[in-house]
Amino acid sequence: MATILLIRHAVNDFVKTGKLAGRMAGVRLNEEGLAQAEALGRRLAQAPLRHIYSSPMERTMETAAAIVKHHPQLSVIEQPEIIEVEYGDWQGKAISALQRRKMWDVVQEYPSRAYFPNGETMRDVQARVVNAIEALAQRHPEGLVALVCHADLIKMALAHYLGMHLDAFQRIVISPASISTMHLGHRRPFIIGMNDIAHLLDLEKAQEAKDAPKATG
């Protein structure tokens, strides 16, 4: 039985721009993201990883590199089938402007009917990521395999293996640098854990301490 880790990349500064990054080049991990990736790498340092695949985007490759640092016998394998959604004409646009479009509500409420102009349909994205996972599970029927990719792809994959309709996938929360774990064998799939961020708790505590107002005497 294959054990698949679905790992979301760590954070980057592009989200602060209020725009939709999509497949834009040059979106890299920021200082916080690098720290998250390091914590993720330490979390998986003793895991018996056999293979690690990544979306070819910079932010996913950098996250995967932090994991591989603890597994020098492995190298990151780029997997184009788990790349970010092709947002077409929406890529790089301000989210505030996109929210005024009718299709935005469709994406949020009825994603099975949603499409991005000159881009992908949500149905095709789900099929793409599920097909990629199934192919890797067949290629590696035993052992632990990590896939580093993007939030929506992970949510869509989990929805599929949970038996949820695509229209409900937005109910799943996938945080940056989180781990979701599945067992895939010859029978039904098993979801072992979702959105595991235990390795980030020390980082969050340190940030809270840093941000806390200093007492004055």
C-alpha atoms as a PDB file:
ATOM      1  CA  MET A   1       0.000   0.000   0.000  1.00  0.00           C
ATOM      2  CA  ALA A   2       1.333   3.412  -0.973  1.00  0.00           C
ATOM      3  CA  THR A   3       1.356   6.202   1.587  1.00  0.00           C
ATOM      4  CA  ILE A   4       0.998   9.584  -0.076  1.00  0.00           C
ATOM      5  CA  LEU A   5       1.878  12.850   1.649  1.00  0.00           C
ATOM      6  CA  LEU A   6       0.148  15.850   0.094  1.00  0.00           C
ATOM      7  CA  ILE A   7       2.170  18.889   1.146  1.00  0.00           C
ATOM      8  CA  ARG A   8       1.273  22.483   0.463  1.00  0.00           C
ATOM      9  CA  HIS A   9       4.113  24.912  -0.225  1.00  0.00           C
ATOM     10  CA  ALA A  10       5.058  27.448   2.473  1.00  0.00           C
ATOM     11  CA  VAL A  11       4.040  31.119   2.391  1.00  0.00           C
ATOM     12  CA  ASN A  12       5.240  33.874   0.089  1.00  0.00           C
ATOM     13  CA  ASP A  13       4.839  37.633  -0.151  1.00  0.00           C
ATOM     14  CA  PHE A  14       2.711  37.632  -3.303  1.00  0.00           C
ATOM     15  CA  VAL A  15      -0.450  37.054  -1.281  1.00  0.00           C
ATOM     16  CA  LYS A  16       0.064  40.520   0.251  1.00  0.00           C
ATOM     17  CA  THR A  17      -0.382  42.082  -3.191  1.00  0.00           C
ATOM     18  CA  GLY A  18      -4.026  41.019  -3.285  1.00  0.00           C
ATOM     19  CA  LYS A  19      -3.546  39.443  -6.696  1.00  0.00           C
ATOM     20  CA  LEU A  20      -3.969  35.926  -8.038  1.00  0.00           C
ATOM     21  CA  ALA A  21      -0.511  34.433  -8.586  1.00  0.00           C
ATOM     22  CA  GLY A  22      -1.422  31.265 -10.463  1.00  0.00           C
ATOM     23  CA  ARG A  23       1.532  30.136 -12.542  1.00  0.00           C
ATOM     24  CA  MET A  24       3.382  33.455 -12.494  1.00  0.00           C
ATOM     25  CA  ALA A  25       7.150  33.049 -12.395  1.00  0.00           C
ATOM     26  CA  GLY A  26       9.204  34.514  -9.571  1.00  0.00           C
ATOM     27  CA  VAL A  27       6.795  33.821  -6.685  1.00  0.00           C
ATOM     28  CA  ARG A  28       9.215  32.561  -4.056  1.00  0.00           C
ATOM     29  CA  LEU A  29       9.091  31.801  -0.338  1.00  0.00           C
ATOM     30  CA  ASN A  30       9.538  34.783   1.944  1.00  0.00           C
ATOM     31  CA  GLU A  31      11.416  34.745   5.270  1.00  0.00           C
ATOM     32  CA  GLU A  32       8.453  33.246   7.094  1.00  0.00           C
ATOM     33  CA  GLY A  33       7.973  30.694   4.328  1.00  0.00           C
ATOM     34  CA  LEU A  34      11.611  29.610   4.464  1.00  0.00           C
ATOM     35  CA  ALA A  35      11.250  29.093   8.222  1.00  0.00           C
ATOM     36  CA  GLN A  36       8.088  27.057   7.653  1.00  0.00           C
ATOM     37  CA  ALA A  37       9.846  24.933   5.038  1.00  0.00           C
ATOM     38  CA  GLU A  38      12.761  24.331   7.419  1.00  0.00           C
ATOM     39  CA  ALA A  39      10.339  23.213  10.139  1.00  0.00           C
ATOM     40  CA  LEU A  40       8.602  20.942   7.642  1.00  0.00           C
ATOM     41  CA  GLY A  41      11.945  19.433   6.651  1.00  0.00           C
ATOM     42  CA  ARG A  42      12.812  18.731  10.287  1.00  0.00           C
ATOM     43  CA  ARG A  43       9.385  17.167  10.827  1.00  0.00           C
ATOM     44  CA  LEU A  44      10.000  14.711   7.992  1.00  0.00           C
ATOM     45  CA  ALA A  45      13.713  14.164   8.660  1.00  0.00           C
ATOM     46  CA  GLN A  46      13.177  10.672  10.070  1.00  0.00           C
ATOM     47  CA  ALA A  47      10.315   9.726   7.749  1.00  0.00           C
ATOM     48  CA  PRO A  48      11.153   6.799   5.434  1.00  0.00           C
ATOM     49  CA  LEU A  49      10.611   8.810   2.255  1.00  0.00           C
ATOM     50  CA  ARG A  50      11.267   6.935  -0.964  1.00  0.00           C
ATOM     51  CA  HIS A  51      10.389   9.642  -3.481  1.00  0.00           C
ATOM     52  CA  ILE A  52       9.511  13.313  -3.495  1.00  0.00           C
ATOM     53  CA  TYR A  53       7.657  14.988  -6.343  1.00  0.00           C
ATOM     54  CA  SER A  54       6.963  18.675  -6.739  1.00  0.00           C
ATOM     55  CA  SER A  55       5.018  21.097  -8.854  1.00  0.00           C
ATOM     56  CA  PRO A  56       7.599  22.961 -10.969  1.00  0.00           C
ATOM     57  CA  MET A  57       6.725  26.374  -9.461  1.00  0.00           C
ATOM     58  CA  GLU A  58       9.500  28.088  -7.476  1.00  0.00           C
ATOM     59  CA  ARG A  59       7.548  28.117  -4.205  1.00  0.00           C
ATOM     60  CA  THR A  60       6.899  24.379  -4.330  1.00  0.00           C
ATOM     61  CA  MET A  61      10.417  23.482  -5.428  1.00  0.00           C
ATOM     62  CA  GLU A  62      11.885  25.547  -2.577  1.00  0.00           C
ATOM     63  CA  THR A  63       9.591  23.801  -0.096  1.00  0.00           C
ATOM     64  CA  ALA A  64      10.550  20.400  -1.485  1.00  0.00           C
ATOM     65  CA  ALA A  65      14.247  21.312  -1.311  1.00  0.00           C
ATOM     66  CA  ALA A  66      13.922  21.907   2.440  1.00  0.00           C
ATOM     67  CA  ILE A  67      12.620  18.345   2.824  1.00  0.00           C
ATOM     68  CA  VAL A  68      15.260  16.771   0.593  1.00  0.00           C
ATOM     69  CA  LYS A  69      18.001  18.455   2.623  1.00  0.00           C
ATOM     70  CA  HIS A  70      17.288  15.815   5.263  1.00  0.00           C
ATOM     71  CA  HIS A  71      17.184  13.011   2.680  1.00  0.00           C
ATOM     72  CA  PRO A  72      20.402  13.375   0.636  1.00  0.00           C
ATOM     73  CA  GLN A  73      19.765  10.059  -1.089  1.00  0.00           C
ATOM     74  CA  LEU A  74      16.759  11.600  -2.844  1.00  0.00           C
ATOM     75  CA  SER A  75      16.324  14.332  -5.423  1.00  0.00           C
ATOM     76  CA  VAL A  76      13.226  16.394  -6.128  1.00  0.00           C
ATOM     77  CA  ILE A  77      11.372  15.197  -9.221  1.00  0.00           C
ATOM     78  CA  GLU A  78       9.395  17.879 -11.049  1.00  0.00           C
ATOM     79  CA  GLN A  79       5.866  16.712 -11.776  1.00  0.00           C
ATOM     80  CA  PRO A  80       4.056  19.010 -14.237  1.00  0.00           C
ATOM     81  CA  GLU A  81       0.709  17.302 -13.596  1.00  0.00           C
ATOM     82  CA  ILE A  82       0.535  18.778 -10.091  1.00  0.00           C
ATOM     83  CA  ILE A  83       1.286  22.362 -11.123  1.00  0.00           C
ATOM     84  CA  GLU A  84      -0.955  25.219  -9.951  1.00  0.00           C
ATOM     85  CA  VAL A  85      -4.333  25.852 -11.591  1.00  0.00           C
ATOM     86  CA  GLU A  86      -4.171  27.513 -15.017  1.00  0.00           C
ATOM     87  CA  TYR A  87      -6.174  30.652 -14.292  1.00  0.00           C
ATOM     88  CA  GLY A  88      -5.885  31.987 -17.821  1.00  0.00           C
ATOM     89  CA  ASP A  89      -6.971  35.623 -18.064  1.00  0.00           C
ATOM     90  CA  TRP A  90      -7.415  35.800 -14.280  1.00  0.00           C
ATOM     91  CA  GLN A  91      -3.747  35.270 -13.531  1.00  0.00           C
ATOM     92  CA  GLY A  92      -2.101  38.347 -12.018  1.00  0.00           C
ATOM     93  CA  LYS A  93      -5.420  40.167 -11.641  1.00  0.00           C
ATOM     94  CA  ALA A  94      -6.522  41.871  -8.417  1.00  0.00           C
ATOM     95  CA  ILE A  95      -8.735  39.566  -6.370  1.00  0.00           C
ATOM     96  CA  SER A  96     -10.925  42.525  -5.417  1.00  0.00           C
ATOM     97  CA  ALA A  97     -11.724  43.016  -9.104  1.00  0.00           C
ATOM     98  CA  LEU A  98     -12.255  39.300  -9.741  1.00  0.00           C
ATOM     99  CA  GLN A  99     -14.737  39.105  -6.866  1.00  0.00           C
ATOM    100  CA  ARG A 100     -17.076  41.383  -8.847  1.00  0.00           C
ATOM    101  CA  ARG A 101     -17.304  38.893 -11.698  1.00  0.00           C
ATOM    102  CA  LYS A 102     -20.185  36.439 -11.883  1.00  0.00           C
ATOM    103  CA  MET A 103     -17.775  33.539 -12.340  1.00  0.00           C
ATOM    104  CA  TRP A 104     -16.222  34.258  -8.935  1.00  0.00           C
ATOM    105  CA  ASP A 105     -19.408  33.164  -7.195  1.00  0.00           C
ATOM    106  CA  VAL A 106     -19.539  30.061  -9.371  1.00  0.00           C
ATOM    107  CA  VAL A 107     -15.962  29.176  -8.344  1.00  0.00           C
ATOM    108  CA  GLN A 108     -16.906  29.530  -4.679  1.00  0.00           C
ATOM    109  CA  GLU A 109     -20.343  27.880  -4.703  1.00  0.00           C
ATOM    110  CA  TYR A 110     -20.503  25.595  -7.786  1.00  0.00           C
ATOM    111  CA  PRO A 111     -16.914  24.852  -8.782  1.00  0.00           C
ATOM    112  CA  SER A 112     -17.994  21.841 -10.828  1.00  0.00           C
ATOM    113  CA  ARG A 113     -19.414  24.362 -13.341  1.00  0.00           C
ATOM    114  CA  ALA A 114     -16.570  26.883 -13.064  1.00  0.00           C
ATOM    115  CA  TYR A 115     -14.006  27.718 -15.693  1.00  0.00           C
ATOM    116  CA  PHE A 116     -11.324  30.355 -16.068  1.00  0.00           C
ATOM    117  CA  PRO A 117     -11.273  32.297 -19.362  1.00  0.00           C
ATOM    118  CA  ASN A 118      -8.469  30.848 -21.486  1.00  0.00           C
ATOM    119  CA  GLY A 119      -7.624  28.572 -18.575  1.00  0.00           C
ATOM    120  CA  GLU A 120      -8.801  25.309 -17.023  1.00  0.00           C
ATOM    121  CA  THR A 121     -12.146  24.151 -15.710  1.00  0.00           C
ATOM    122  CA  MET A 122     -12.236  23.107 -12.061  1.00  0.00           C
ATOM    123  CA  ARG A 123     -13.391  19.653 -13.135  1.00  0.00           C
ATOM    124  CA  ASP A 124     -10.296  19.286 -15.284  1.00  0.00           C
ATOM    125  CA  VAL A 125      -8.032  20.405 -12.446  1.00  0.00           C
ATOM    126  CA  GLN A 126      -9.456  17.773 -10.114  1.00  0.00           C
ATOM    127  CA  ALA A 127      -9.122  15.073 -12.771  1.00  0.00           C
ATOM    128  CA  ARG A 128      -5.554  16.163 -13.462  1.00  0.00           C
ATOM    129  CA  VAL A 129      -4.376  15.927  -9.864  1.00  0.00           C
ATOM    130  CA  VAL A 130      -6.246  12.695  -9.133  1.00  0.00           C
ATOM    131  CA  ASN A 131      -4.849  11.079 -12.283  1.00  0.00           C
ATOM    132  CA  ALA A 132      -1.348  12.151 -11.232  1.00  0.00           C
ATOM    133  CA  ILE A 133      -1.779  10.678  -7.758  1.00  0.00           C
ATOM    134  CA  GLU A 134      -3.161   7.428  -9.142  1.00  0.00           C
ATOM    135  CA  ALA A 135      -0.261   7.129 -11.602  1.00  0.00           C
ATOM    136  CA  LEU A 136       2.277   7.671  -8.814  1.00  0.00           C
ATOM    137  CA  ALA A 137       0.502   5.171  -6.550  1.00  0.00           C
ATOM    138  CA  GLN A 138       0.761   2.582  -9.315  1.00  0.00           C
ATOM    139  CA  ARG A 139       4.400   3.459  -9.941  1.00  0.00           C
ATOM    140  CA  HIS A 140       5.208   3.209  -6.226  1.00  0.00           C
ATOM    141  CA  PRO A 141       2.766   0.657  -4.768  1.00  0.00           C
ATOM    142  CA  GLU A 142       4.679   0.452  -1.482  1.00  0.00           C
ATOM    143  CA  GLY A 143       6.349   3.000   0.748  1.00  0.00           C
ATOM    144  CA  LEU A 144       6.118   6.700   1.460  1.00  0.00           C
ATOM    145  CA  VAL A 145       5.871   9.256  -1.356  1.00  0.00           C
ATOM    146  CA  ALA A 146       5.617  13.030  -0.924  1.00  0.00           C
ATOM    147  CA  LEU A 147       3.925  15.415  -3.359  1.00  0.00           C
ATOM    148  CA  VAL A 148       4.524  19.138  -2.842  1.00  0.00           C
ATOM    149  CA  CYS A 149       1.889  21.214  -4.603  1.00  0.00           C
ATOM    150  CA  HIS A 150      -0.878  23.777  -4.113  1.00  0.00           C
ATOM    151  CA  ALA A 151      -3.853  24.276  -1.808  1.00  0.00           C
ATOM    152  CA  ASP A 152      -6.710  23.903  -4.291  1.00  0.00           C
ATOM    153  CA  LEU A 153      -5.182  20.787  -5.833  1.00  0.00           C
ATOM    154  CA  ILE A 154      -4.800  19.165  -2.422  1.00  0.00           C
ATOM    155  CA  LYS A 155      -8.345  20.097  -1.426  1.00  0.00           C
ATOM    156  CA  MET A 156      -9.718  18.695  -4.684  1.00  0.00           C
ATOM    157  CA  ALA A 157      -7.763  15.456  -4.273  1.00  0.00           C
ATOM    158  CA  LEU A 158      -8.939  14.999  -0.690  1.00  0.00           C
ATOM    159  CA  ALA A 159     -12.530  15.710  -1.718  1.00  0.00           C
ATOM    160  CA  HIS A 160     -12.267  12.988  -4.361  1.00  0.00           C
ATOM    161  CA  TYR A 161     -10.849  10.379  -1.993  1.00  0.00           C
ATOM    162  CA  LEU A 162     -13.340  11.300   0.737  1.00  0.00           C
ATOM    163  CA  GLY A 163     -16.194  10.720  -1.699  1.00  0.00           C
ATOM    164  CA  MET A 164     -17.215  14.392  -1.599  1.00  0.00           C
ATOM    165  CA  HIS A 165     -18.670  16.228  -4.565  1.00  0.00           C
ATOM    166  CA  LEU A 166     -16.348  18.800  -6.078  1.00  0.00           C
ATOM    167  CA  ASP A 167     -18.849  21.522  -5.128  1.00  0.00           C
ATOM    168  CA  ALA A 168     -17.957  20.890  -1.451  1.00  0.00           C
ATOM    169  CA  PHE A 169     -14.171  21.004  -1.790  1.00  0.00           C
ATOM    170  CA  GLN A 170     -13.928  24.591  -0.494  1.00  0.00           C
ATOM    171  CA  ARG A 171     -15.002  23.298   2.924  1.00  0.00           C
ATOM    172  CA  ILE A 172     -11.570  21.704   3.344  1.00  0.00           C
ATOM    173  CA  VAL A 173      -8.828  23.868   4.850  1.00  0.00           C
ATOM    174  CA  ILE A 174      -5.244  23.364   3.698  1.00  0.00           C
ATOM    175  CA  SER A 175      -2.706  25.651   5.362  1.00  0.00           C
ATOM    176  CA  PRO A 176       0.754  26.587   4.062  1.00  0.00           C
ATOM    177  CA  ALA A 177       3.406  23.938   4.758  1.00  0.00           C
ATOM    178  CA  SER A 178       0.731  21.489   5.946  1.00  0.00           C
ATOM    179  CA  ILE A 179       0.792  17.709   5.518  1.00  0.00           C
ATOM    180  CA  SER A 180      -2.194  15.562   4.538  1.00  0.00           C
ATOM    181  CA  THR A 181      -1.722  11.793   4.481  1.00  0.00           C
ATOM    182  CA  MET A 182      -3.469   9.062   2.489  1.00  0.00           C
ATOM    183  CA  HIS A 183      -3.094   5.303   2.103  1.00  0.00           C
ATOM    184  CA  LEU A 184      -3.821   4.051  -1.414  1.00  0.00           C
ATOM    185  CA  GLY A 185      -3.986   0.337  -2.080  1.00  0.00           C
ATOM    186  CA  HIS A 186      -6.092  -2.074  -4.089  1.00  0.00           C
ATOM    187  CA  ARG A 187      -9.233  -1.372  -2.077  1.00  0.00           C
ATOM    188  CA  ARG A 188     -10.779   1.812  -0.728  1.00  0.00           C
ATOM    189  CA  PRO A 189      -8.510   4.767   0.109  1.00  0.00           C
ATOM    190  CA  PHE A 190      -7.878   5.847   3.673  1.00  0.00           C
ATOM    191  CA  ILE A 191      -7.379   9.448   4.768  1.00  0.00           C
ATOM    192  CA  ILE A 192      -5.002   9.310   7.743  1.00  0.00           C
ATOM    193  CA  GLY A 193      -4.722  13.011   8.447  1.00  0.00           C
ATOM    194  CA  MET A 194      -5.489  16.400   6.928  1.00  0.00           C
ATOM    195  CA  ASN A 195      -3.903  19.827   7.317  1.00  0.00           C
ATOM    196  CA  ASP A 196      -1.328  18.701   9.887  1.00  0.00           C
ATOM    197  CA  ILE A 197       0.670  21.773  10.974  1.00  0.00           C
ATOM    198  CA  ALA A 198       2.014  20.521  14.323  1.00  0.00           C
ATOM    199  CA  HIS A 199       5.561  21.294  13.142  1.00  0.00           C
ATOM    200  CA  LEU A 200       4.658  24.979  12.800  1.00  0.00           C
ATOM    201  CA  LEU A 201       3.372  25.505  16.339  1.00  0.00           C
ATOM    202  CA  ASP A 202       6.764  26.507  17.767  1.00  0.00           C
ATOM    203  CA  LEU A 203       7.136  29.051  14.965  1.00  0.00           C
ATOM    204  CA  GLU A 204       3.724  30.498  15.771  1.00  0.00           C
ATOM    205  CA  LYS A 205       4.534  30.723  19.475  1.00  0.00           C
ATOM    206  CA  ALA A 206       7.824  32.454  18.720  1.00  0.00           C
ATOM    207  CA  GLN A 207       6.041  34.957  16.469  1.00  0.00           C
ATOM    208  CA  GLU A 208       3.383  35.620  19.114  1.00  0.00           C
ATOM    209  CA  ALA A 209       6.092  36.269  21.700  1.00  0.00           C
ATOM    210  CA  LYS A 210       7.853  38.595  19.294  1.00  0.00           C
ATOM    211  CA  ASP A 211       4.651  40.528  18.573  1.00  0.00           C
ATOM    212  CA  ALA A 212       3.510  40.731  22.201  1.00  0.00           C
ATOM    213  CA  PRO A 213       3.763  44.226  23.708  1.00  0.00           C
ATOM    214  CA  LYS A 214       6.671  44.562  26.116  1.00  0.00           C
ATOM    215  CA  ALA A 215       5.765  45.315  29.703  1.00  0.00           C
ATOM    216  CA  THR A 216       6.845  48.667  31.021  1.00  0.00           C
ATOM    217  CA  GLY A 217       7.754  49.194  34.650  1.00  0.00           C
END
